[in-house]
């Protein structure tokens, strides 16, 4: 009678340990999902900031291309102070 009772007690203990581990995994998954959400929000804000920062640069680039006349592939920076010259 001792061995069947021991087997039942060990089975219960094993089930209890698996239950505790499942709860811990659930908490860690929740924490990880919160961290991923925060990271995605920060990446989104950084992308918006980059887009806002790049807009004036793109406008200046377009104005420079119109001022010089032609496409950017036809020009490269020269040695004289970084001025643009046609090749």
Protein backbone atom coordinates (compact mmCIF):
# COMPACT_ATOMS: atom_id res chain seq x y z
CA UNK A 1 0.00 0.00 0.00
CA UNK A 2 2.99 2.28 0.57
CA UNK A 3 4.19 2.23 -3.07
CA UNK A 4 0.87 3.20 -4.68
CA UNK A 5 0.48 6.08 -2.19
CA UNK A 6 4.04 7.23 -2.92
CA UNK A 7 3.32 7.07 -6.65
CA UNK A 8 0.17 9.19 -6.23
CA UNK A 9 2.05 11.72 -4.06
CA UNK A 10 4.90 11.99 -6.60
CA UNK A 11 2.44 12.38 -9.46
CA UNK A 12 0.68 15.18 -7.57
CA UNK A 13 4.01 16.87 -6.78
CA UNK A 14 5.07 16.61 -10.44
CA UNK A 15 1.78 18.11 -11.58
CA UNK A 16 2.14 20.93 -9.03
CA UNK A 17 5.68 21.70 -10.24
CA UNK A 18 4.51 21.78 -13.86
CA UNK A 19 1.66 24.11 -12.87
CA UNK A 20 4.03 26.50 -11.10
CA UNK A 21 6.37 26.50 -14.09
CA UNK A 22 3.46 27.17 -16.44
CA UNK A 23 2.43 30.20 -14.37
CA UNK A 24 6.02 31.50 -14.40
CA UNK A 25 6.19 31.06 -18.18
CA UNK A 26 2.92 32.96 -18.52
CA UNK A 27 4.30 35.88 -16.50
CA UNK A 28 7.51 35.93 -18.56
CA UNK A 29 5.54 35.88 -21.82
CA UNK A 30 3.47 38.82 -20.60
CA UNK A 31 6.64 40.71 -19.64
CA UNK A 32 8.26 39.93 -23.00
CA UNK A 33 5.20 41.05 -24.95
CA UNK A 34 5.16 44.32 -23.01
CA UNK A 35 8.86 44.85 -23.80
CA UNK A 36 8.28 44.09 -27.50
CA UNK A 37 5.38 46.57 -27.57
CA UNK A 38 7.51 49.27 -25.96
CA UNK A 39 10.33 48.61 -28.41
CA UNK A 40 7.97 48.78 -31.38
CA UNK A 41 6.64 52.12 -30.12
CA UNK A 42 10.18 53.50 -29.73
CA UNK A 43 11.11 52.29 -33.22
CA UNK A 44 7.99 53.95 -34.62
CA UNK A 45 8.85 57.25 -32.93
CA UNK A 46 12.45 57.04 -34.20
CA UNK A 47 11.22 56.38 -37.75
CA UNK A 48 8.89 59.38 -37.57
CA UNK A 49 11.72 61.55 -36.26
CA UNK A 50 14.01 60.33 -39.05
CA UNK A 51 11.34 61.09 -41.63
CA UNK A 52 10.89 64.61 -40.23
CA UNK A 53 14.66 65.14 -40.23
CA UNK A 54 15.10 63.83 -43.76
CA UNK A 55 12.39 66.03 -45.30
CA UNK A 56 14.42 69.30 -45.25
CA UNK A 57 17.48 67.47 -46.55
CA UNK A 58 15.50 66.02 -49.43
CA UNK A 59 14.08 69.45 -50.21
CA UNK A 60 17.58 70.97 -50.27
CA UNK A 61 18.80 68.16 -52.50
CA UNK A 62 15.97 68.75 -54.94
CA UNK A 63 16.60 72.50 -54.92
CA UNK A 64 20.32 71.93 -55.57
CA UNK A 65 19.56 69.62 -58.47
CA UNK A 66 17.19 72.18 -59.99
CA UNK A 67 19.72 74.98 -59.41
CA UNK A 68 22.59 73.15 -61.10
CA UNK A 69 20.38 71.54 -63.72
CA UNK A 70 20.52 67.84 -64.47
CA UNK A 71 20.46 64.64 -62.53
CA UNK A 72 22.62 63.79 -59.53
CA UNK A 73 24.27 60.94 -61.45
CA UNK A 74 25.88 63.44 -63.86
CA UNK A 75 27.66 65.35 -61.09
CA UNK A 76 30.10 64.58 -58.32
CA UNK A 77 31.78 66.62 -55.61
CA UNK A 78 35.01 68.22 -56.72
CA UNK A 79 38.19 68.84 -54.77
CA UNK A 80 37.70 72.61 -54.64
CA UNK A 81 35.78 73.07 -51.40
CA UNK A 82 33.18 70.42 -52.13
CA UNK A 83 31.65 72.39 -54.99
CA UNK A 84 29.77 70.42 -57.58
CA UNK A 85 31.20 70.15 -61.06
CA UNK A 86 30.07 68.31 -64.14
CA UNK A 87 32.21 65.41 -65.37
